[in-house]
Amino acid sequence: MSGKKTNKTSSVMKLISKGKGIANPIIDEKFKEEVILTKDKPDAVKNETGINIIEELVQEWLPQTMKRFNCPDSDIWKAEFTVKALNILPPKYVPVNGAKDYANIQNMKEKYKKQVIDTLVSMVIDFKKGKNQGDFSNN
C-alpha cells in the first residue's frame, strides 16, 4: 500500500483497488482525466444556455397589471406577486444558442402571453377582493 492516509483498512483498500497500491482509487489520475478534466474542455461541454419564457413574461407584464388594478407600487408587492405567479404557472425553458433560437423565443412568448396575463389578472383581482390579505406584507 502507498503511504497515503485513508480511513479504510488495508484489506478493504485491496478489494477496492483490486490489489493496486493506490490509496484511493476513486480519485486516481485516470479518474481525474476521464471525469474531472473533461468538464473543463470546450468540446466536451455544450455551450448552451436557456431561459424560462414564463418568468420573462411575468417580469414583463406584472408592472402593467399592478398599475392597471391600483396595487401598491413597491418592490415587496412585485416580489410576492412574482413568486406567487411562478408557483402557479409551469416553467417553459427554451435553449438559446443563436439567432434562430431568439425567433423561437418570440414565438413561444406569443403562445404563452395570454396564459400569463390571465394568471396575473386573476391574482390581482383575488387580492383586491381580499382573498389573499394574509399572504402579503402590509407595505
N, C-alpha and C. Protein backbone atom coordinates (compact mmCIF):
# COMPACT_ATOMS: atom_id res chain seq x y z
N MET A 1 0.84 -1.19 0.00
CA MET A 1 0.00 0.00 0.00
C MET A 1 0.88 1.24 0.00
N SER A 2 0.33 2.27 -0.51
CA SER A 2 1.02 3.55 -0.60
C SER A 2 1.06 4.20 0.77
N GLY A 3 1.85 5.25 0.90
CA GLY A 3 1.97 5.95 2.16
C GLY A 3 0.84 6.94 2.41
N LYS A 4 -0.12 7.05 1.49
CA LYS A 4 -1.21 7.98 1.67
C LYS A 4 -2.16 7.47 2.74
N LYS A 5 -2.71 8.40 3.52
CA LYS A 5 -3.60 8.01 4.61
C LYS A 5 -5.01 7.80 4.09
N THR A 6 -5.69 6.85 4.68
CA THR A 6 -7.08 6.57 4.36
C THR A 6 -7.76 6.03 5.61
N ASN A 7 -9.07 6.16 5.67
CA ASN A 7 -9.77 5.65 6.83
C ASN A 7 -10.21 4.20 6.63
N LYS A 8 -9.87 3.61 5.49
CA LYS A 8 -10.23 2.23 5.21
C LYS A 8 -9.05 1.32 5.58
N THR A 9 -9.38 0.11 5.97
CA THR A 9 -8.33 -0.85 6.31
C THR A 9 -7.62 -1.29 5.05
N SER A 10 -6.45 -1.83 5.20
CA SER A 10 -5.67 -2.24 4.03
C SER A 10 -6.37 -3.35 3.24
N SER A 11 -7.08 -4.25 3.90
CA SER A 11 -7.77 -5.32 3.18
C SER A 11 -8.94 -4.76 2.34
N VAL A 12 -9.63 -3.78 2.89
CA VAL A 12 -10.72 -3.15 2.13
C VAL A 12 -10.14 -2.40 0.93
N MET A 13 -9.02 -1.71 1.12
CA MET A 13 -8.39 -0.98 0.03
C MET A 13 -7.91 -1.93 -1.06
N LYS A 14 -7.44 -3.10 -0.69
CA LYS A 14 -7.02 -4.08 -1.69
C LYS A 14 -8.22 -4.55 -2.52
N LEU A 15 -9.35 -4.75 -1.86
CA LEU A 15 -10.56 -5.13 -2.59
C LEU A 15 -11.02 -4.03 -3.53
N ILE A 16 -11.02 -2.81 -3.05
CA ILE A 16 -11.48 -1.69 -3.85
C ILE A 16 -10.55 -1.44 -5.03
N SER A 17 -9.26 -1.45 -4.79
CA SER A 17 -8.29 -1.13 -5.82
C SER A 17 -7.81 -2.35 -6.59
N LYS A 18 -8.38 -3.51 -6.31
CA LYS A 18 -8.01 -4.77 -6.97
C LYS A 18 -6.53 -5.05 -6.84
N GLY A 19 -6.02 -4.84 -5.65
CA GLY A 19 -4.63 -5.17 -5.36
C GLY A 19 -3.63 -4.11 -5.75
N LYS A 20 -4.06 -3.04 -6.40
CA LYS A 20 -3.14 -1.98 -6.80
C LYS A 20 -2.72 -1.21 -5.56
N GLY A 21 -1.61 -0.54 -5.62
CA GLY A 21 -1.11 0.21 -4.48
C GLY A 21 -1.63 1.63 -4.43
N ILE A 22 -2.89 1.81 -4.75
CA ILE A 22 -3.48 3.14 -4.77
C ILE A 22 -4.23 3.36 -3.46
N ALA A 23 -4.01 4.49 -2.83
CA ALA A 23 -4.66 4.76 -1.56
C ALA A 23 -6.16 5.01 -1.74
N ASN A 24 -6.53 5.73 -2.76
CA ASN A 24 -7.94 5.98 -3.01
C ASN A 24 -8.19 5.88 -4.51
N PRO A 25 -8.69 4.73 -4.98
CA PRO A 25 -8.85 4.54 -6.42
C PRO A 25 -9.92 5.45 -7.03
N ILE A 26 -10.75 6.00 -6.21
CA ILE A 26 -11.81 6.85 -6.73
C ILE A 26 -11.26 8.14 -7.31
N ILE A 27 -10.18 8.66 -6.73
CA ILE A 27 -9.62 9.90 -7.25
C ILE A 27 -8.21 9.71 -7.81
N ASP A 28 -7.98 8.57 -8.46
CA ASP A 28 -6.68 8.38 -9.08
C ASP A 28 -6.58 9.21 -10.35
N GLU A 29 -5.42 9.23 -11.00
CA GLU A 29 -5.17 10.08 -12.15
C GLU A 29 -6.07 9.76 -13.34
N LYS A 30 -6.34 8.47 -13.56
CA LYS A 30 -7.20 8.09 -14.68
C LYS A 30 -8.61 8.66 -14.48
N PHE A 31 -9.09 8.58 -13.26
CA PHE A 31 -10.41 9.13 -12.96
C PHE A 31 -10.43 10.63 -13.20
N LYS A 32 -9.39 11.32 -12.75
CA LYS A 32 -9.31 12.77 -12.95
C LYS A 32 -9.36 13.12 -14.43
N GLU A 33 -8.64 12.37 -15.26
CA GLU A 33 -8.62 12.64 -16.69
C GLU A 33 -9.99 12.37 -17.32
N GLU A 34 -10.63 11.27 -16.96
CA GLU A 34 -11.88 10.88 -17.60
C GLU A 34 -13.07 11.73 -17.15
N VAL A 35 -13.14 12.06 -15.88
CA VAL A 35 -14.34 12.70 -15.37
C VAL A 35 -14.13 14.18 -15.07
N ILE A 36 -13.14 14.50 -14.30
CA ILE A 36 -12.99 15.88 -13.85
C ILE A 36 -12.44 16.77 -14.95
N LEU A 37 -11.38 16.39 -15.60
CA LEU A 37 -10.73 17.26 -16.58
C LEU A 37 -11.53 17.41 -17.86
N THR A 38 -12.36 16.43 -18.24
CA THR A 38 -13.15 16.56 -19.47
C THR A 38 -14.21 17.63 -19.33
N LYS A 39 -14.61 17.97 -18.12
CA LYS A 39 -15.59 19.03 -17.94
C LYS A 39 -15.00 20.39 -18.27
N ASP A 40 -13.68 20.53 -18.20
CA ASP A 40 -13.03 21.80 -18.49
C ASP A 40 -12.79 21.99 -19.99
N LYS A 41 -12.85 20.92 -20.78
CA LYS A 41 -12.58 21.02 -22.21
C LYS A 41 -13.80 21.56 -22.93
N PRO A 42 -13.62 22.55 -23.82
CA PRO A 42 -14.76 23.16 -24.50
C PRO A 42 -15.54 22.20 -25.39
N ASP A 43 -14.84 21.23 -26.03
CA ASP A 43 -15.56 20.31 -26.91
C ASP A 43 -16.36 19.27 -26.14
N ALA A 44 -16.07 19.08 -24.88
CA ALA A 44 -16.77 18.08 -24.09
C ALA A 44 -18.07 18.61 -23.51
N VAL A 45 -18.19 19.93 -23.42
CA VAL A 45 -19.38 20.54 -22.83
C VAL A 45 -20.07 21.39 -23.87
N LYS A 46 -21.38 21.22 -23.99
CA LYS A 46 -22.13 22.05 -24.92
C LYS A 46 -22.22 23.47 -24.35
N ASN A 47 -22.06 24.43 -25.22
CA ASN A 47 -22.19 25.82 -24.81
C ASN A 47 -23.64 26.23 -25.01
N GLU A 48 -24.49 25.82 -24.08
CA GLU A 48 -25.92 26.03 -24.23
C GLU A 48 -26.49 26.69 -22.98
N THR A 49 -27.24 27.74 -23.19
CA THR A 49 -27.93 28.38 -22.09
C THR A 49 -29.41 28.37 -22.41
N GLY A 50 -30.22 28.56 -21.41
CA GLY A 50 -31.65 28.56 -21.64
C GLY A 50 -32.32 29.61 -20.78
N ILE A 51 -33.54 29.97 -21.18
CA ILE A 51 -34.31 30.93 -20.41
C ILE A 51 -35.70 30.36 -20.15
N ASN A 52 -36.31 30.87 -19.10
CA ASN A 52 -37.67 30.49 -18.75
C ASN A 52 -38.60 31.54 -19.36
N ILE A 53 -39.34 31.14 -20.37
CA ILE A 53 -40.25 32.05 -21.07
C ILE A 53 -41.29 32.62 -20.12
N ILE A 54 -41.83 31.78 -19.25
CA ILE A 54 -42.88 32.21 -18.32
C ILE A 54 -42.35 33.29 -17.38
N GLU A 55 -41.14 33.09 -16.87
CA GLU A 55 -40.56 34.08 -15.96
C GLU A 55 -40.37 35.43 -16.66
N GLU A 56 -39.91 35.40 -17.90
CA GLU A 56 -39.74 36.65 -18.63
C GLU A 56 -41.07 37.36 -18.86
N LEU A 57 -42.11 36.59 -19.17
CA LEU A 57 -43.42 37.19 -19.39
C LEU A 57 -43.99 37.78 -18.10
N VAL A 58 -43.78 37.10 -16.98
CA VAL A 58 -44.25 37.63 -15.70
C VAL A 58 -43.54 38.95 -15.40
N GLN A 59 -42.23 39.00 -15.59
CA GLN A 59 -41.48 40.23 -15.35
C GLN A 59 -41.92 41.35 -16.29
N GLU A 60 -42.31 41.00 -17.49
CA GLU A 60 -42.72 41.99 -18.48
C GLU A 60 -44.12 42.55 -18.20
N TRP A 61 -45.05 41.70 -17.80
CA TRP A 61 -46.44 42.11 -17.67
C TRP A 61 -46.90 42.43 -16.26
N LEU A 62 -46.18 42.03 -15.24
CA LEU A 62 -46.61 42.28 -13.87
C LEU A 62 -46.72 43.78 -13.53
N PRO A 63 -45.74 44.62 -13.85
CA PRO A 63 -45.87 46.04 -13.51
C PRO A 63 -47.10 46.69 -14.13
N GLN A 64 -47.39 46.36 -15.37
CA GLN A 64 -48.56 46.93 -16.04
C GLN A 64 -49.85 46.45 -15.39
N THR A 65 -49.89 45.18 -15.03
CA THR A 65 -51.09 44.62 -14.39
C THR A 65 -51.31 45.26 -13.03
N MET A 66 -50.25 45.41 -12.24
CA MET A 66 -50.39 46.03 -10.92
C MET A 66 -50.84 47.48 -11.04
N LYS A 67 -50.31 48.19 -12.00
CA LYS A 67 -50.69 49.59 -12.20
C LYS A 67 -52.15 49.68 -12.63
N ARG A 68 -52.58 48.81 -13.52
CA ARG A 68 -53.95 48.83 -14.03
C ARG A 68 -54.98 48.61 -12.92
N PHE A 69 -54.64 47.77 -11.94
CA PHE A 69 -55.58 47.45 -10.87
C PHE A 69 -55.25 48.17 -9.56
N ASN A 70 -54.45 49.20 -9.63
CA ASN A 70 -54.11 50.06 -8.49
C ASN A 70 -53.56 49.29 -7.29
N CYS A 71 -52.65 48.39 -7.55
CA CYS A 71 -51.97 47.69 -6.45
C CYS A 71 -50.83 48.56 -5.95
N PRO A 72 -50.41 48.36 -4.70
CA PRO A 72 -49.28 49.13 -4.17
C PRO A 72 -48.03 48.95 -5.04
N ASP A 73 -47.38 50.05 -5.36
CA ASP A 73 -46.19 50.01 -6.21
C ASP A 73 -44.94 49.92 -5.35
N SER A 74 -44.69 48.74 -4.82
CA SER A 74 -43.49 48.54 -4.01
C SER A 74 -42.79 47.27 -4.46
N ASP A 75 -41.51 47.21 -4.17
CA ASP A 75 -40.73 46.04 -4.56
C ASP A 75 -41.21 44.78 -3.84
N ILE A 76 -41.68 44.92 -2.62
CA ILE A 76 -42.17 43.77 -1.86
C ILE A 76 -43.39 43.17 -2.54
N TRP A 77 -44.32 44.01 -2.97
CA TRP A 77 -45.51 43.52 -3.64
C TRP A 77 -45.15 42.87 -4.97
N LYS A 78 -44.25 43.49 -5.72
CA LYS A 78 -43.83 42.91 -7.00
C LYS A 78 -43.19 41.55 -6.78
N ALA A 79 -42.34 41.45 -5.77
CA ALA A 79 -41.67 40.19 -5.48
C ALA A 79 -42.68 39.11 -5.08
N GLU A 80 -43.63 39.48 -4.23
CA GLU A 80 -44.60 38.48 -3.77
C GLU A 80 -45.53 38.05 -4.89
N PHE A 81 -45.98 38.98 -5.73
CA PHE A 81 -46.80 38.60 -6.88
C PHE A 81 -46.00 37.74 -7.86
N THR A 82 -44.72 38.07 -8.05
CA THR A 82 -43.87 37.29 -8.95
C THR A 82 -43.74 35.86 -8.45
N VAL A 83 -43.44 35.70 -7.17
CA VAL A 83 -43.28 34.36 -6.60
C VAL A 83 -44.57 33.57 -6.72
N LYS A 84 -45.68 34.20 -6.40
CA LYS A 84 -46.97 33.52 -6.47
C LYS A 84 -47.28 33.10 -7.91
N ALA A 85 -47.04 33.99 -8.87
CA ALA A 85 -47.30 33.67 -10.28
C ALA A 85 -46.41 32.53 -10.77
N LEU A 86 -45.14 32.56 -10.39
CA LEU A 86 -44.23 31.50 -10.83
C LEU A 86 -44.52 30.16 -10.16
N ASN A 87 -45.17 30.20 -8.99
CA ASN A 87 -45.59 28.95 -8.36
C ASN A 87 -46.84 28.38 -9.03
N ILE A 88 -47.66 29.23 -9.59
CA ILE A 88 -48.89 28.80 -10.26
C ILE A 88 -48.58 28.29 -11.67
N LEU A 89 -47.80 29.06 -12.41
CA LEU A 89 -47.53 28.75 -13.82
C LEU A 89 -46.36 27.76 -13.96
N PRO A 90 -46.49 26.76 -14.82
CA PRO A 90 -45.37 25.83 -15.03
C PRO A 90 -44.27 26.49 -15.86
N PRO A 91 -43.00 26.23 -15.55
CA PRO A 91 -41.91 26.85 -16.32
C PRO A 91 -41.83 26.27 -17.73
N LYS A 92 -41.39 27.09 -18.66
CA LYS A 92 -41.17 26.67 -20.05
C LYS A 92 -39.77 27.12 -20.44
N TYR A 93 -38.80 26.21 -20.34
CA TYR A 93 -37.41 26.55 -20.65
C TYR A 93 -37.14 26.33 -22.14
N VAL A 94 -36.43 27.29 -22.73
CA VAL A 94 -36.07 27.22 -24.13
C VAL A 94 -34.57 27.44 -24.24
N PRO A 95 -33.85 26.53 -24.94
CA PRO A 95 -32.40 26.73 -25.11
C PRO A 95 -32.12 27.89 -26.05
N VAL A 96 -31.01 28.58 -25.77
CA VAL A 96 -30.63 29.72 -26.59
C VAL A 96 -29.20 29.49 -27.09
N ASN A 97 -29.06 29.30 -28.40
CA ASN A 97 -27.74 29.12 -28.99
C ASN A 97 -27.43 30.12 -30.09
N GLY A 98 -28.45 30.65 -30.73
CA GLY A 98 -28.19 31.57 -31.83
C GLY A 98 -29.42 32.37 -32.20
N ALA A 99 -29.34 33.03 -33.37
CA ALA A 99 -30.43 33.91 -33.83
C ALA A 99 -31.72 33.13 -34.07
N LYS A 100 -31.59 31.90 -34.52
CA LYS A 100 -32.77 31.07 -34.77
C LYS A 100 -33.55 30.83 -33.48
N ASP A 101 -32.84 30.64 -32.38
CA ASP A 101 -33.49 30.41 -31.10
C ASP A 101 -34.19 31.67 -30.59
N TYR A 102 -33.65 32.84 -30.89
CA TYR A 102 -34.31 34.08 -30.47
C TYR A 102 -35.66 34.25 -31.17
N ALA A 103 -35.74 33.85 -32.42
CA ALA A 103 -37.03 33.89 -33.13
C ALA A 103 -38.00 32.89 -32.49
N ASN A 104 -37.49 31.74 -32.10
CA ASN A 104 -38.32 30.73 -31.43
C ASN A 104 -38.82 31.26 -30.08
N ILE A 105 -37.99 32.00 -29.38
CA ILE A 105 -38.38 32.57 -28.09
C ILE A 105 -39.54 33.55 -28.27
N GLN A 106 -39.48 34.38 -29.30
CA GLN A 106 -40.56 35.33 -29.54
C GLN A 106 -41.87 34.61 -29.85
N ASN A 107 -41.79 33.53 -30.61
CA ASN A 107 -42.98 32.73 -30.90
C ASN A 107 -43.54 32.10 -29.64
N MET A 108 -42.66 31.59 -28.79
CA MET A 108 -43.10 30.97 -27.53
C MET A 108 -43.73 32.02 -26.61
N LYS A 109 -43.16 33.22 -26.58
CA LYS A 109 -43.73 34.29 -25.75
C LYS A 109 -45.15 34.63 -26.20
N GLU A 110 -45.35 34.70 -27.51
CA GLU A 110 -46.70 34.98 -28.02
C GLU A 110 -47.66 33.85 -27.64
N LYS A 111 -47.17 32.63 -27.67
CA LYS A 111 -48.01 31.47 -27.36
C LYS A 111 -48.48 31.49 -25.91
N TYR A 112 -47.60 31.87 -24.97
CA TYR A 112 -47.91 31.80 -23.54
C TYR A 112 -48.32 33.14 -22.92
N LYS A 113 -48.33 34.21 -23.71
CA LYS A 113 -48.63 35.54 -23.17
C LYS A 113 -50.03 35.60 -22.56
N LYS A 114 -51.03 35.06 -23.22
CA LYS A 114 -52.40 35.10 -22.71
C LYS A 114 -52.52 34.36 -21.39
N GLN A 115 -51.89 33.19 -21.29
CA GLN A 115 -51.95 32.40 -20.05
C GLN A 115 -51.33 33.17 -18.89
N VAL A 116 -50.20 33.81 -19.12
CA VAL A 116 -49.51 34.57 -18.07
C VAL A 116 -50.35 35.78 -17.65
N ILE A 117 -50.86 36.53 -18.62
CA ILE A 117 -51.65 37.72 -18.30
C ILE A 117 -52.93 37.32 -17.55
N ASP A 118 -53.58 36.25 -17.99
CA ASP A 118 -54.79 35.77 -17.29
C ASP A 118 -54.49 35.42 -15.84
N THR A 119 -53.37 34.76 -15.61
CA THR A 119 -52.98 34.38 -14.24
C THR A 119 -52.69 35.63 -13.40
N LEU A 120 -51.96 36.58 -13.96
CA LEU A 120 -51.63 37.80 -13.22
C LEU A 120 -52.90 38.59 -12.88
N VAL A 121 -53.80 38.74 -13.83
CA VAL A 121 -55.04 39.47 -13.59
C VAL A 121 -55.87 38.75 -12.52
N SER A 122 -55.94 37.44 -12.60
CA SER A 122 -56.68 36.67 -11.61
C SER A 122 -56.10 36.85 -10.20
N MET A 123 -54.78 36.85 -10.09
CA MET A 123 -54.14 37.05 -8.79
C MET A 123 -54.44 38.44 -8.24
N VAL A 124 -54.36 39.44 -9.09
CA VAL A 124 -54.58 40.82 -8.64
C VAL A 124 -56.04 41.01 -8.24
N ILE A 125 -56.97 40.44 -9.01
CA ILE A 125 -58.39 40.56 -8.66
C ILE A 125 -58.67 39.85 -7.34
N ASP A 126 -58.08 38.67 -7.14
CA ASP A 126 -58.24 37.97 -5.86
C ASP A 126 -57.71 38.81 -4.71
N PHE A 127 -56.58 39.46 -4.93
CA PHE A 127 -56.02 40.34 -3.90
C PHE A 127 -56.98 41.48 -3.60
N LYS A 128 -57.53 42.10 -4.65
CA LYS A 128 -58.42 43.24 -4.46
C LYS A 128 -59.71 42.82 -3.73
N LYS A 129 -60.16 41.59 -3.94
CA LYS A 129 -61.36 41.09 -3.26
C LYS A 129 -61.06 40.72 -1.82
N GLY A 130 -59.79 40.66 -1.46
CA GLY A 130 -59.42 40.36 -0.07
C GLY A 130 -59.15 38.89 0.19
N LYS A 131 -59.09 38.08 -0.86
CA LYS A 131 -58.87 36.64 -0.67
C LYS A 131 -57.45 36.32 -0.22
N ASN A 132 -56.50 37.18 -0.51
CA ASN A 132 -55.10 36.90 -0.20
C ASN A 132 -54.51 37.87 0.81
N GLN A 133 -55.31 38.49 1.61
CA GLN A 133 -54.81 39.51 2.53
C GLN A 133 -53.77 38.96 3.49
N GLY A 134 -53.90 37.71 3.90
CA GLY A 134 -52.94 37.15 4.83
C GLY A 134 -51.64 36.74 4.19
N ASP A 135 -51.62 36.66 2.86
CA ASP A 135 -50.44 36.18 2.17
C ASP A 135 -49.40 37.27 1.93
N PHE A 136 -49.79 38.54 1.97
CA PHE A 136 -48.88 39.60 1.60
C PHE A 136 -48.54 40.49 2.79
N SER A 137 -47.43 41.18 2.64
CA SER A 137 -46.98 42.11 3.68
C SER A 137 -47.88 43.33 3.72
N ASN A 138 -47.78 44.07 4.78
CA ASN A 138 -48.62 45.27 4.95
C ASN A 138 -48.00 46.51 4.31
N ASN A 139 -46.98 46.38 3.50
CA ASN A 139 -46.34 47.54 2.88
C ASN A 139 -47.08 47.94 1.64
